[in-house]
Amino acid sequence: MSTRPTRRVVLTTGLAVAASSLVSGCAMGGAGGTGARDISGEEDGEADKVSGKIAVWSWDVAAKAMKRLARTFEQQHPGTTVDIVDIGYDNAYDKITVGLRGGSGLADVLTVEGSHMPRYTGNFPSGFYDMTSLGGRYGGEFDRAAWRTVTGKGGAVFALPWDIGPCALYYRTDHFRAAGVDPKSLLTWDDYVRAGVRIKEVTGRKLLIMDSTDAGILPMLLQQQGQSYFKGGRVAVDTPEAVRALTLMKTLHDKGLVDYEKGWDGLVTGIKEGKATTTPTAAWWSGTLTDEMPELSGRFQVVPLPGFTADAIRTSNIGGSTLCVPAQSKNPRLAWAFIQFLLTGKANQVSMLKREGLFPAYLPALDDPYLSVKQEYFGGQATLDVFARLARNILPVENNKDDAKATDIMISAVNGVMLRGKDPRAVLNSAARQLATATGRERAK
């Protein structure tokens, strides 16, 4: 797997909150009428009749993948031109938000991170074409958590999922071996903490790296338990699940098992230098290891995340993106045909995994023999197969237009607990009050 994680996936961990907060402040509205317009007149077989030109906005490896496959699409559909524009991640959400506010200037197809799609459809309910009549039939073929991010009220479909970030626990085999810890014994987070204490005693290594400028592993731990910051439209940051998650994080800190580094570069450098022995994160981290740390080949493997109980869900999701058609598109039928071509075929999805490291949200692709290939870097382990099996168990959670406000409040809450020793339950209770006031939402009971 050759992917290099970019801010495209890092954003969902809280390292690029500024861009997301842009969305939270948007007024309702956007191009189109009072509701999203349907892409009509497209039936099976009619995709061959499309013509004309579309522009597609994306960035980094996602843009690279589409540029490669767009040539094949054009060959299969003479008279079409697909212009892939790499707008860069730093400017992507500024440009999308400005275009939705102004009702003009957007490309025909937009790349939007899965966690961001509900923010946009919530703030700009008429800003996107409704794909339900064309894309709804594919719902059962995509990861159910990713599908949740592209659907709205009444099951309306506003995008198709592209890639996902199923989570597992990367670990240093040499550190575990030195401490006499069996990675397969890490069934629960309590097991994980005990192993961390043992590894630190023997090797001096801490267990994991966190960034004090974000919410750390909290969103991952919440999704593992089937929730996000909201549940049923209500504020859910002080639920028993949230208290359980933040209490675990405080325990890791109190036992001296957390190394704090700043930002993405700090994480990469810290792992490269061996400051921490595990990284609970997504499949795309494999690309960072192979690209940035080739000298550590043979020293990493993966196991499922520990669970809060031995029989609990042992994965989560970090990252992933979708493709949608803004209501401004002058050629929505061609835009849909390209999205359909790119995302609803096993061959293209596996190709993007092999070439660009984009882990498919499209479930049929996970059965491809490529995912069972043993990888030399990981000591002969078929790591992609581990992630493929876990991907089917990712729990859907609720994202909405107020996620950015919640993220800001929760970063402060996490820092209060981790860096200033505050009580998790009290801090989360305060955060829930703040978020309810900021959004006008009721608190979950």
Protein backbone atom coordinates (compact mmCIF):
# COMPACT_ATOMS: atom_id res chain seq x y z
CA MET A 1 0.00 0.00 0.00
CA SER A 2 1.59 3.25 -1.11
CA THR A 3 -0.68 5.95 0.23
CA ARG A 4 0.74 8.99 1.97
CA PRO A 5 -1.88 10.43 4.37
CA THR A 6 -2.53 14.08 3.74
CA ARG A 7 -4.56 16.78 5.41
CA ARG A 8 -7.48 15.26 3.49
CA VAL A 9 -7.64 12.52 6.09
CA VAL A 10 -5.91 14.28 8.94
CA LEU A 11 -8.66 16.89 9.10
CA THR A 12 -11.05 14.46 10.67
CA THR A 13 -8.71 14.03 13.63
CA GLY A 14 -8.90 17.73 14.40
CA LEU A 15 -5.60 18.93 12.98
CA ALA A 16 -7.25 21.34 10.56
CA VAL A 17 -10.22 22.69 12.46
CA ALA A 18 -10.02 26.15 10.92
CA ALA A 19 -11.28 24.95 7.56
CA SER A 20 -14.18 23.06 9.07
CA SER A 21 -15.29 25.97 11.24
CA LEU A 22 -15.84 27.97 8.07
CA VAL A 23 -18.72 25.66 7.27
CA SER A 24 -20.32 25.93 10.68
CA GLY A 25 -20.82 29.66 10.31
CA CYS A 26 -22.59 29.52 6.95
CA ALA A 27 -26.12 30.75 6.50
CA MET A 28 -28.71 28.39 5.13
CA GLY A 29 -29.21 28.52 1.40
CA GLY A 30 -27.26 27.95 -1.77
CA ALA A 31 -27.89 27.35 -5.43
CA GLY A 32 -31.14 25.83 -6.59
CA GLY A 33 -34.66 26.13 -5.29
CA THR A 34 -36.10 25.36 -1.90
CA GLY A 35 -34.91 21.78 -2.08
CA ALA A 36 -32.17 19.78 -3.79
CA ARG A 37 -32.73 19.10 -7.48
CA ASP A 38 -32.82 15.54 -8.78
CA ILE A 39 -30.50 14.37 -11.54
CA SER A 40 -33.26 13.06 -13.77
CA GLY A 41 -33.37 11.39 -17.14
CA GLU A 42 -30.49 9.03 -16.42
CA GLU A 43 -31.44 5.39 -16.76
CA ASP A 44 -29.30 2.29 -17.15
CA GLY A 45 -27.66 2.39 -20.57
CA GLU A 46 -28.06 6.16 -20.99
CA ALA A 47 -24.61 6.83 -19.57
CA ASP A 48 -23.24 6.00 -23.03
CA LYS A 49 -25.07 9.06 -24.40
CA VAL A 50 -23.36 11.65 -22.22
CA SER A 51 -21.27 14.31 -23.89
CA GLY A 52 -19.58 17.61 -23.21
CA LYS A 53 -17.16 18.68 -20.51
CA ILE A 54 -17.04 18.68 -16.72
CA ALA A 55 -14.57 20.01 -14.18
CA VAL A 56 -13.74 18.02 -11.05
CA TRP A 57 -12.18 19.48 -7.89
CA SER A 58 -9.97 17.37 -5.69
CA TRP A 59 -6.46 17.28 -4.24
CA ASP A 60 -3.34 15.19 -3.68
CA VAL A 61 -3.57 11.43 -4.35
CA ALA A 62 -7.32 11.65 -4.94
CA ALA A 63 -6.75 14.04 -7.84
CA LYS A 64 -3.94 11.83 -9.09
CA ALA A 65 -6.23 8.79 -9.15
CA MET A 66 -8.97 10.62 -11.01
CA LYS A 67 -6.57 12.06 -13.59
CA ARG A 68 -5.40 8.54 -14.37
CA LEU A 69 -8.88 7.02 -14.66
CA ALA A 70 -10.48 10.01 -16.39
CA ARG A 71 -8.56 9.10 -19.55
CA THR A 72 -10.19 5.67 -19.57
CA PHE A 73 -13.61 7.22 -19.02
CA GLU A 74 -13.11 9.59 -21.97
CA GLN A 75 -12.09 6.69 -24.20
CA GLN A 76 -15.24 4.80 -23.22
CA HIS A 77 -17.39 7.91 -23.80
CA PRO A 78 -16.22 9.65 -26.97
CA GLY A 79 -17.07 13.35 -27.03
CA THR A 80 -16.53 13.85 -23.30
CA THR A 81 -13.80 15.77 -21.48
CA VAL A 82 -13.11 15.42 -17.76
CA ASP A 83 -10.88 18.17 -16.38
CA ILE A 84 -9.42 17.18 -13.00
CA VAL A 85 -8.31 20.26 -11.05
CA ASP A 86 -6.05 19.80 -8.01
CA ILE A 87 -7.17 22.77 -5.92
CA GLY A 88 -4.99 21.83 -2.94
CA TYR A 89 -6.35 20.92 0.45
CA ASP A 90 -5.47 24.23 2.12
CA ASN A 91 -7.89 26.13 -0.13
CA ALA A 92 -10.47 23.45 -0.81
CA TYR A 93 -13.08 24.23 1.81
CA ASP A 94 -12.69 27.99 1.44
CA LYS A 95 -13.42 27.66 -2.29
CA ILE A 96 -16.34 25.25 -1.81
CA THR A 97 -17.94 27.37 0.89
CA VAL A 98 -17.59 30.60 -1.09
CA GLY A 99 -19.06 28.91 -4.16
CA LEU A 100 -22.05 27.55 -2.23
CA ARG A 101 -22.69 30.91 -0.59
CA GLY A 102 -22.51 32.80 -3.86
CA GLY A 103 -24.32 30.24 -5.99
CA SER A 104 -21.64 30.15 -8.68
CA GLY A 105 -18.04 29.24 -9.42
CA LEU A 106 -18.00 25.58 -8.39
CA ALA A 107 -16.84 22.60 -10.43
CA ASP A 108 -19.29 19.96 -11.67
CA VAL A 109 -17.96 17.34 -9.23
CA LEU A 110 -16.59 18.08 -5.76
CA THR A 111 -14.49 15.96 -3.42
CA VAL A 112 -15.79 16.41 0.13
CA GLU A 113 -14.65 14.51 3.21
CA GLY A 114 -17.29 12.18 4.55
CA SER A 115 -17.55 13.93 7.91
CA HIS A 116 -17.99 17.27 6.10
CA MET A 117 -20.80 16.26 3.77
CA PRO A 118 -23.55 16.52 6.44
CA ARG A 119 -22.23 19.95 7.39
CA TYR A 120 -22.62 21.18 3.85
CA THR A 121 -26.00 19.60 3.15
CA GLY A 122 -27.22 20.93 6.49
CA ASN A 123 -26.07 24.49 5.82
CA PHE A 124 -26.82 24.47 2.07
CA PRO A 125 -29.82 22.14 1.68
CA SER A 126 -30.42 23.14 -1.95
CA GLY A 127 -26.77 23.36 -2.90
CA PHE A 128 -26.39 19.83 -4.26
CA TYR A 129 -28.13 17.55 -6.73
CA ASP A 130 -30.17 14.76 -5.19
CA MET A 131 -28.73 11.48 -6.48
CA THR A 132 -31.35 9.25 -4.86
CA SER A 133 -32.98 8.06 -8.08
CA LEU A 134 -29.61 7.03 -9.51
CA GLY A 135 -27.35 6.31 -6.56
CA GLY A 136 -29.81 4.98 -4.00
CA ARG A 137 -29.62 1.47 -5.41
CA TYR A 138 -25.95 1.25 -4.44
CA GLY A 139 -26.56 1.74 -0.72
CA GLY A 140 -26.06 -1.90 0.17
CA GLU A 141 -22.76 -2.06 -1.68
CA PHE A 142 -21.01 0.60 0.40
CA ASP A 143 -19.70 0.62 3.94
CA ARG A 144 -22.71 1.50 6.07
CA ALA A 145 -20.88 4.13 8.13
CA ALA A 146 -19.72 5.91 4.97
CA TRP A 147 -23.22 5.64 3.49
CA ARG A 148 -24.62 7.40 6.54
CA THR A 149 -22.47 10.46 5.74
CA VAL A 150 -23.95 10.87 2.23
CA THR A 151 -27.63 10.47 3.08
CA GLY A 152 -30.04 13.06 4.42
CA LYS A 153 -33.63 13.27 5.59
CA GLY A 154 -35.85 10.60 4.15
CA GLY A 155 -32.84 8.69 2.89
CA ALA A 156 -31.99 11.27 0.20
CA VAL A 157 -28.57 10.55 -1.35
CA PHE A 158 -26.35 13.59 -1.95
CA ALA A 159 -23.03 11.90 -2.77
CA LEU A 160 -21.38 8.52 -3.17
CA PRO A 161 -18.71 7.37 -0.72
CA TRP A 162 -15.20 6.96 -2.10
CA ASP A 163 -12.64 5.86 0.47
CA ILE A 164 -12.70 5.15 4.20
CA GLY A 165 -10.22 4.83 7.06
CA PRO A 166 -10.92 1.65 9.05
CA CYS A 167 -8.90 1.65 12.26
CA ALA A 168 -6.63 -0.90 13.91
CA LEU A 169 -3.70 -0.85 16.31
CA TYR A 170 -0.26 -0.57 14.72
CA TYR A 171 2.45 -1.82 17.07
CA ARG A 172 6.22 -2.23 17.18
CA THR A 173 6.90 -5.95 17.18
CA ASP A 174 10.39 -5.49 18.67
CA HIS A 175 9.10 -3.47 21.64
CA PHE A 176 6.34 -5.96 22.39
CA ARG A 177 8.78 -8.85 22.09
CA ALA A 178 11.26 -7.21 24.46
CA ALA A 179 8.54 -6.66 27.05
CA GLY A 180 7.08 -10.15 26.65
CA VAL A 181 3.67 -8.80 25.65
CA ASP A 182 1.48 -10.77 23.23
CA PRO A 183 -0.32 -8.26 20.97
CA LYS A 184 -3.18 -10.72 20.51
CA SER A 185 -3.88 -10.45 24.23
CA LEU A 186 -5.00 -6.82 23.85
CA LEU A 187 -8.72 -7.57 23.78
CA THR A 188 -9.79 -4.60 25.89
CA TRP A 189 -8.51 -1.11 26.58
CA ASP A 190 -7.73 -2.25 30.13
CA ASP A 191 -5.45 -4.87 28.58
CA TYR A 192 -3.89 -2.10 26.51
CA VAL A 193 -3.16 0.04 29.56
CA ARG A 194 -1.60 -2.88 31.43
CA ALA A 195 0.54 -3.73 28.41
CA GLY A 196 1.63 -0.10 28.19
CA VAL A 197 2.78 -0.09 31.80
CA ARG A 198 4.78 -3.27 31.20
CA ILE A 199 6.35 -2.00 27.96
CA LYS A 200 7.35 1.28 29.60
CA GLU A 201 8.93 -0.53 32.54
CA VAL A 202 11.02 -2.75 30.26
CA THR A 203 11.81 -0.52 27.29
CA GLY A 204 11.22 3.01 28.52
CA ARG A 205 8.89 3.59 25.57
CA LYS A 206 5.55 5.31 25.96
CA LEU A 207 2.42 3.78 24.51
CA LEU A 208 1.09 6.36 22.07
CA ILE A 209 1.46 9.91 20.79
CA MET A 210 -1.23 12.59 21.09
CA ASP A 211 -1.40 16.21 19.99
CA SER A 212 -2.42 18.68 22.68
CA THR A 213 -3.98 20.93 20.02
CA ASP A 214 -6.75 18.50 19.08
CA ALA A 215 -9.23 16.02 20.57
CA GLY A 216 -6.85 13.11 20.13
CA ILE A 217 -8.37 9.66 19.98
CA LEU A 218 -11.70 10.76 21.49
CA PRO A 219 -13.72 10.72 18.21
CA MET A 220 -12.31 7.30 17.38
CA LEU A 221 -13.28 5.96 20.82
CA LEU A 222 -16.77 7.42 20.53
CA GLN A 223 -17.44 5.90 17.10
CA GLN A 224 -16.19 2.57 18.38
CA GLN A 225 -19.12 2.78 20.80
CA GLY A 226 -21.58 3.85 18.12
CA GLN A 227 -21.84 7.58 18.67
CA SER A 228 -20.30 10.93 17.82
CA TYR A 229 -20.79 14.32 19.47
CA PHE A 230 -24.51 14.14 18.64
CA LYS A 231 -27.17 11.47 18.92
CA GLY A 232 -30.63 11.83 17.41
CA GLY A 233 -29.97 15.52 16.83
CA ARG A 234 -29.17 16.07 20.50
CA VAL A 235 -25.89 16.93 22.19
CA ALA A 236 -24.24 13.70 23.35
CA VAL A 237 -20.82 14.71 24.62
CA ASP A 238 -21.62 13.78 28.24
CA THR A 239 -23.11 10.32 27.69
CA PRO A 240 -21.76 7.29 29.58
CA GLU A 241 -19.87 6.36 26.40
CA ALA A 242 -18.18 9.76 26.26
CA VAL A 243 -17.26 9.62 29.96
CA ARG A 244 -15.84 6.12 29.44
CA ALA A 245 -13.73 7.30 26.50
CA LEU A 246 -12.30 10.40 28.14
CA THR A 247 -11.64 8.51 31.39
CA LEU A 248 -9.54 6.03 29.41
CA MET A 249 -7.57 8.88 27.89
CA LYS A 250 -6.95 10.37 31.34
CA THR A 251 -5.78 6.98 32.62
CA LEU A 252 -3.26 6.74 29.78
CA HIS A 253 -1.97 10.19 30.67
CA ASP A 254 -1.89 9.61 34.43
CA LYS A 255 0.17 6.44 34.00
CA GLY A 256 2.72 8.31 31.89
CA LEU A 257 1.92 6.41 28.71
CA VAL A 258 1.29 9.41 26.43
CA ASP A 259 3.96 11.33 24.54
CA TYR A 260 2.74 14.75 23.39
CA GLU A 261 3.93 16.00 20.01
CA LYS A 262 2.60 18.87 17.92
CA GLY A 263 0.84 18.25 14.63
CA TRP A 264 1.27 15.69 11.90
CA ASP A 265 5.02 16.19 11.58
CA GLY A 266 5.42 15.65 15.31
CA LEU A 267 3.51 12.38 15.14
CA VAL A 268 5.55 11.08 12.20
CA THR A 269 8.87 12.10 13.76
CA GLY A 270 7.91 10.67 17.14
CA ILE A 271 7.01 7.28 15.70
CA LYS A 272 10.12 7.27 13.53
CA GLU A 273 12.28 7.93 16.59
CA GLY A 274 10.54 5.20 18.57
CA LYS A 275 9.03 7.48 21.20
CA ALA A 276 5.82 5.43 21.24
CA THR A 277 5.24 1.78 20.59
CA THR A 278 1.66 1.81 19.22
CA THR A 279 -0.48 3.97 16.95
CA PRO A 280 -4.26 3.41 17.03
CA THR A 281 -5.26 4.80 13.66
CA ALA A 282 -6.50 4.12 10.14
CA ALA A 283 -5.40 1.95 7.23
CA TRP A 284 -3.80 4.90 5.44
CA TRP A 285 -1.08 5.06 8.14
CA SER A 286 0.53 2.11 6.37
CA GLY A 287 1.54 4.45 3.57
CA THR A 288 3.22 6.84 5.96
CA LEU A 289 5.23 4.01 7.48
CA THR A 290 6.41 2.64 4.15
CA ASP A 291 7.11 6.08 2.65
CA GLU A 292 8.61 7.87 5.65
CA MET A 293 10.20 5.01 7.58
CA PRO A 294 11.54 2.41 5.13
CA GLU A 295 14.40 1.67 7.51
CA LEU A 296 11.87 0.25 10.02
CA SER A 297 10.65 -2.46 7.66
CA GLY A 298 9.73 -5.62 9.55
CA ARG A 299 9.14 -3.85 12.87
CA PHE A 300 5.42 -3.09 12.57
CA GLN A 301 2.27 -5.19 12.43
CA VAL A 302 -1.40 -4.57 13.18
CA VAL A 303 -4.11 -6.08 15.36
CA PRO A 304 -7.73 -4.95 15.85
CA LEU A 305 -8.27 -2.06 18.23
CA PRO A 306 -8.90 -3.09 21.83
CA GLY A 307 -12.56 -2.88 22.78
CA PHE A 308 -14.25 -1.46 25.85
CA THR A 309 -15.27 -5.05 26.52
CA ALA A 310 -13.82 -8.24 25.06
CA ASP A 311 -16.84 -8.74 22.78
CA ALA A 312 -17.22 -5.09 21.73
CA ILE A 313 -16.59 -3.54 18.30
CA ARG A 314 -12.86 -3.42 17.70
CA THR A 315 -12.54 -0.82 14.98
CA SER A 316 -13.57 2.72 14.12
CA ASN A 317 -13.01 5.13 11.23
CA ILE A 318 -10.72 8.09 10.63
CA GLY A 319 -10.92 9.88 7.31
CA GLY A 320 -12.42 9.12 3.96
CA SER A 321 -14.11 11.15 1.24
CA THR A 322 -17.12 11.38 -1.05
CA LEU A 323 -17.97 12.74 -4.52
CA CYS A 324 -20.99 14.98 -5.04
CA VAL A 325 -22.54 17.17 -7.75
CA PRO A 326 -23.29 20.80 -6.79
CA ALA A 327 -26.59 22.24 -8.03
CA GLN A 328 -24.58 24.72 -10.12
CA SER A 329 -23.32 21.98 -12.45
CA LYS A 330 -24.11 22.66 -16.10
CA ASN A 331 -23.70 18.98 -17.01
CA PRO A 332 -25.01 16.91 -14.09
CA ARG A 333 -25.64 13.81 -16.21
CA LEU A 334 -21.98 13.63 -17.24
CA ALA A 335 -20.93 14.42 -13.66
CA TRP A 336 -23.02 11.49 -12.39
CA ALA A 337 -21.73 9.18 -15.12
CA PHE A 338 -18.15 9.89 -14.08
CA ILE A 339 -18.88 9.34 -10.38
CA GLN A 340 -20.68 6.10 -11.19
CA PHE A 341 -17.77 4.92 -13.35
CA LEU A 342 -15.20 5.76 -10.70
CA LEU A 343 -16.89 4.43 -7.57
CA THR A 344 -19.32 1.61 -8.43
CA GLY A 345 -16.91 -0.80 -10.09
CA LYS A 346 -14.61 -3.24 -8.35
CA ALA A 347 -11.78 -2.90 -10.88
CA ASN A 348 -11.41 0.86 -10.51
CA GLN A 349 -11.67 0.73 -6.74
CA VAL A 350 -8.98 -1.94 -6.43
CA SER A 351 -6.86 -0.01 -8.91
CA MET A 352 -7.03 3.10 -6.70
CA LEU A 353 -6.08 1.02 -3.66
CA LYS A 354 -3.07 -0.45 -5.45
CA ARG A 355 -1.86 2.72 -7.13
CA GLU A 356 -2.91 5.55 -4.80
CA GLY A 357 -3.63 3.73 -1.54
CA LEU A 358 -7.30 4.79 -1.33
CA PHE A 359 -9.03 2.20 0.86
CA PRO A 360 -12.43 1.46 -0.76
CA ALA A 361 -15.76 2.23 0.83
CA TYR A 362 -17.15 -0.03 -1.92
CA LEU A 363 -17.55 -3.41 -0.22
CA PRO A 364 -17.21 -5.73 -3.26
CA ALA A 365 -13.66 -4.44 -3.70
CA LEU A 366 -12.70 -5.76 -0.27
CA ASP A 367 -13.02 -9.35 -1.53
CA ASP A 368 -10.31 -8.89 -4.15
CA PRO A 369 -7.30 -11.22 -3.80
CA TYR A 370 -5.00 -8.18 -3.68
CA LEU A 371 -6.04 -7.50 -0.10
CA SER A 372 -4.76 -10.93 0.97
CA VAL A 373 -1.23 -10.35 -0.33
CA LYS A 374 1.42 -10.60 2.40
CA GLN A 375 3.48 -7.44 2.83
CA GLU A 376 7.19 -7.63 3.43
CA TYR A 377 7.26 -4.31 5.30
CA PHE A 378 4.88 -5.75 7.89
CA GLY A 379 6.88 -8.91 8.45
CA GLY A 380 4.82 -10.94 5.99
CA GLN A 381 1.47 -9.96 7.51
CA ALA A 382 -1.44 -9.34 5.12
CA THR A 383 -2.34 -6.04 6.77
CA LEU A 384 -4.91 -5.01 4.17
CA ASP A 385 -6.87 -8.17 4.94
CA VAL A 386 -7.01 -7.17 8.62
CA PHE A 387 -8.46 -3.80 7.67
CA ALA A 388 -10.85 -5.33 5.14
CA ARG A 389 -12.35 -7.59 7.80
CA LEU A 390 -12.63 -4.73 10.28
CA ALA A 391 -14.16 -2.34 7.74
CA ARG A 392 -17.41 -4.30 7.67
CA ASN A 393 -17.90 -3.62 11.40
CA ILE A 394 -17.52 0.18 11.46
CA LEU A 395 -20.51 1.64 13.26
CA PRO A 396 -22.43 4.49 11.58
CA VAL A 397 -22.53 7.68 13.62
CA GLU A 398 -24.23 11.03 13.31
CA ASN A 399 -22.53 14.01 11.69
CA ASN A 400 -24.34 17.31 11.19
CA LYS A 401 -23.87 21.00 10.46
CA ASP A 402 -22.78 21.74 14.05
CA ASP A 403 -19.82 19.36 14.11
CA ALA A 404 -17.28 22.19 13.85
CA LYS A 405 -18.70 23.93 16.92
CA ALA A 406 -18.60 20.64 18.79
CA THR A 407 -14.99 20.01 17.78
CA ASP A 408 -13.85 23.39 19.12
CA ILE A 409 -15.56 22.80 22.46
CA MET A 410 -14.31 19.23 22.76
CA ILE A 411 -10.68 20.14 22.10
CA SER A 412 -10.87 22.45 25.11
CA ALA A 413 -12.55 19.71 27.16
CA VAL A 414 -9.90 17.12 26.29
CA ASN A 415 -7.08 19.52 27.13
CA GLY A 416 -8.70 20.33 30.47
CA VAL A 417 -8.66 16.65 31.39
CA MET A 418 -5.36 15.57 29.85
CA LEU A 419 -3.18 18.59 30.63
CA ARG A 420 -4.82 20.11 33.69
CA GLY A 421 -6.08 17.02 35.49
CA LYS A 422 -9.77 17.91 35.53
CA ASP A 423 -12.47 15.32 36.18
CA PRO A 424 -13.80 13.83 32.90
CA ARG A 425 -17.44 13.70 33.97
CA ALA A 426 -17.49 17.29 35.20
CA VAL A 427 -15.68 18.59 32.12
CA LEU A 428 -18.02 16.77 29.74
CA ASN A 429 -21.06 18.01 31.61
CA SER A 430 -19.80 21.57 31.16
CA ALA A 431 -19.02 20.93 27.49
CA ALA A 432 -22.55 19.62 26.92
CA ARG A 433 -24.03 22.81 28.39
CA GLN A 434 -21.78 24.96 26.18
CA LEU A 435 -22.61 23.01 23.05
CA ALA A 436 -26.34 23.02 23.74
CA THR A 437 -26.23 26.79 24.17
CA ALA A 438 -24.10 27.30 21.05
CA THR A 439 -26.35 25.17 18.82
CA GLY A 440 -29.78 25.52 20.37
CA ARG A 441 -29.99 21.73 20.62
CA GLU A 442 -31.29 19.71 23.53
CA ARG A 443 -28.98 17.41 25.44
CA ALA A 444 -29.28 13.64 25.03
CA LYS A 445 -30.65 11.84 28.06
